[in-house]
Protein backbone atom coordinates (compact mmCIF):
# COMPACT_ATOMS: atom_id res chain seq x y z
CA MET A 1 -139.16 -19.29 62.15
CA THR A 2 -139.15 -15.77 63.56
CA ASN A 3 -137.70 -12.48 62.47
CA ASN A 4 -135.92 -11.07 65.49
CA GLU A 5 -133.70 -11.90 68.40
CA ASN A 6 -136.61 -12.19 70.84
CA GLY A 7 -138.22 -15.00 68.87
CA LYS A 8 -141.25 -12.88 67.95
CA ILE A 9 -142.81 -12.54 64.54
CA ARG A 10 -142.29 -8.96 63.31
CA LEU A 11 -145.20 -7.02 61.81
CA LEU A 12 -145.39 -3.57 60.23
CA VAL A 13 -148.39 -1.26 60.54
CA VAL A 14 -148.59 1.75 58.20
CA ASP A 15 -151.50 4.03 59.09
CA ASP A 16 -151.80 7.79 59.56
CA ASP A 17 -154.20 7.36 62.52
CA VAL A 18 -151.83 7.64 65.48
CA GLU A 19 -154.36 6.57 68.12
CA LEU A 20 -155.49 3.51 66.15
CA CYS A 21 -151.85 2.51 65.65
CA ARG A 22 -151.18 2.80 69.37
CA GLU A 23 -154.17 0.61 70.24
CA LEU A 24 -153.42 -1.87 67.48
CA SER A 25 -149.73 -2.18 68.32
CA ASP A 26 -150.51 -2.64 72.04
CA MET A 27 -152.99 -5.40 71.21
CA LEU A 28 -150.59 -7.14 68.81
CA ARG A 29 -147.72 -6.94 71.29
CA ASP A 30 -149.99 -8.48 73.92
CA GLU A 31 -150.53 -11.31 71.42
CA GLY A 32 -146.77 -11.88 71.23
CA TYR A 33 -145.87 -10.02 68.02
CA ALA A 34 -143.06 -7.51 67.57
CA VAL A 35 -144.68 -4.48 65.95
CA ASP A 36 -143.24 -1.50 64.11
CA VAL A 37 -145.56 1.42 63.34
CA LEU A 38 -145.17 4.15 60.75
CA ASN A 39 -147.66 7.00 60.46
CA ASP A 40 -146.01 8.43 57.35
CA PRO A 41 -146.95 6.57 54.15
CA VAL A 42 -143.79 7.72 52.34
CA LYS A 43 -141.63 6.12 55.05
CA GLY A 44 -143.97 3.14 54.90
CA LEU A 45 -143.26 2.71 51.19
CA ALA A 46 -139.56 2.20 51.95
CA ALA A 47 -140.15 0.01 55.02
CA VAL A 48 -142.56 -2.47 53.42
CA GLN A 49 -139.73 -3.87 51.33
CA ASP A 50 -137.76 -4.95 54.41
CA PRO A 51 -137.72 -8.77 54.52
CA LYS A 52 -137.81 -8.79 58.34
CA TYR A 53 -141.58 -8.25 58.23
CA ARG A 54 -143.71 -11.38 58.06
CA ALA A 55 -146.93 -9.41 57.50
CA ILE A 56 -147.87 -5.81 56.80
CA MET A 57 -151.03 -3.93 57.70
CA LEU A 58 -151.71 -0.94 55.43
CA ASP A 59 -154.34 1.74 55.79
CA LEU A 60 -156.05 2.20 52.44
CA LYS A 61 -156.51 5.99 52.60
CA MET A 62 -153.63 8.14 53.79
CA PRO A 63 -152.60 11.66 52.79
CA GLY A 64 -150.08 11.86 49.98
CA LEU A 65 -149.70 8.16 49.28
CA SER A 66 -152.42 5.55 49.63
CA GLY A 67 -152.13 2.01 50.88
CA TYR A 68 -153.24 0.97 47.41
CA ASP A 69 -150.22 2.78 45.92
CA ILE A 70 -147.86 1.20 48.45
CA LEU A 71 -149.29 -2.27 47.85
CA GLU A 72 -149.13 -1.86 44.09
CA SER A 73 -145.48 -0.79 44.29
CA LEU A 74 -144.68 -3.71 46.58
CA ARG A 75 -146.22 -6.26 44.23
CA GLU A 76 -144.63 -4.69 41.13
CA LYS A 77 -141.24 -5.18 42.80
CA GLY A 78 -142.06 -8.84 43.40
CA VAL A 79 -142.28 -8.56 47.19
CA LYS A 80 -144.59 -11.31 48.41
CA THR A 81 -144.91 -10.34 52.08
CA PRO A 82 -148.56 -10.84 53.12
CA VAL A 83 -150.52 -7.59 53.27
CA ILE A 84 -153.73 -6.87 55.15
CA ILE A 85 -155.46 -3.71 54.00
CA ILE A 86 -157.30 -1.91 56.78
CA THR A 87 -159.83 0.71 55.76
CA GLY A 88 -162.31 3.06 57.38
CA ASN A 89 -164.03 3.36 54.02
CA PRO A 90 -165.57 -0.06 53.45
CA LEU A 91 -165.33 -1.48 49.98
CA ASP A 92 -169.07 -1.44 49.38
CA GLY A 93 -170.60 -3.93 47.06
CA VAL A 94 -167.66 -6.29 47.00
CA GLY A 95 -168.81 -9.83 47.51
CA PRO A 96 -166.70 -12.96 47.98
CA ASP A 97 -166.68 -13.43 44.22
CA LYS A 98 -165.51 -9.80 43.78
CA THR A 99 -168.73 -8.85 42.01
CA GLY A 100 -169.82 -5.26 42.35
CA ALA A 101 -166.27 -3.98 42.62
CA ASP A 102 -164.82 -1.41 40.27
CA ALA A 103 -161.56 -2.24 38.50
CA ARG A 104 -159.37 -0.61 41.17
CA GLN A 105 -161.17 -2.50 43.97
CA ARG A 106 -160.81 -5.79 42.08
CA ARG A 107 -157.09 -5.13 41.61
CA LEU A 108 -156.75 -4.35 45.33
CA MET A 109 -158.53 -7.57 46.24
CA GLU A 110 -156.17 -9.51 43.96
CA MET A 111 -153.02 -7.94 45.43
CA ALA A 112 -153.96 -7.93 49.12
CA ASP A 113 -154.04 -11.08 51.21
CA ALA A 114 -156.94 -9.76 53.28
CA VAL A 115 -159.07 -6.63 53.61
CA MET A 116 -160.44 -5.56 57.00
CA ASN A 117 -162.93 -2.75 57.49
CA LYS A 118 -162.44 -0.44 60.48
CA PRO A 119 -163.47 -0.95 63.16
CA PHE A 120 -162.30 -4.48 62.52
CA ASP A 121 -163.28 -7.69 64.17
CA VAL A 122 -160.31 -8.40 66.47
CA PRO A 123 -160.63 -12.23 66.43
CA ALA A 124 -160.83 -12.18 62.62
CA LEU A 125 -157.79 -9.91 62.41
CA LEU A 126 -155.77 -12.11 64.76
CA SER A 127 -156.83 -15.21 62.85
CA SER A 128 -155.73 -13.67 59.55
CA LEU A 129 -152.40 -12.58 61.03
CA LYS A 130 -151.77 -15.98 62.53
CA LYS A 131 -152.39 -17.65 59.18
CA LEU A 132 -150.51 -15.13 57.04
CA ALA A 133 -147.48 -14.53 59.28
CA ARG A 134 -146.76 -18.12 60.30
CA THR A 135 -144.72 -19.05 57.25
CA PRO A 136 -141.54 -17.33 56.07
CA ASN A 137 -141.81 -14.98 53.12
CA PRO A 138 -140.93 -16.58 49.78
């Protein structure tokens, strides 16, 4: 199942880094995805609720409104769209069992479907997207 007339899976990227978004969206389009990009986190907060998106990539730290805040709002509203957090500030000390994380980091890890540190491993990112975006949102 796809989310647009071209038969492509639609993704949303919300990140204030314009150059990163350009590179990321070009790469994802080359992989066959339809990609919408928002560099304004406030606009991103409204857009993430749109059911046309099969997966969302959110920058963790943005001016005015963080990816954490957007993700928390999304989950509080019951939206189950898969979210990949992308961050240039690695979540240090967080192991697979979530040890070493402070309460906010643990909450983030519980709400997000994946967390990728920038610069991210492209094959790992594509693998996560393929897995998370392949099934329709509940």
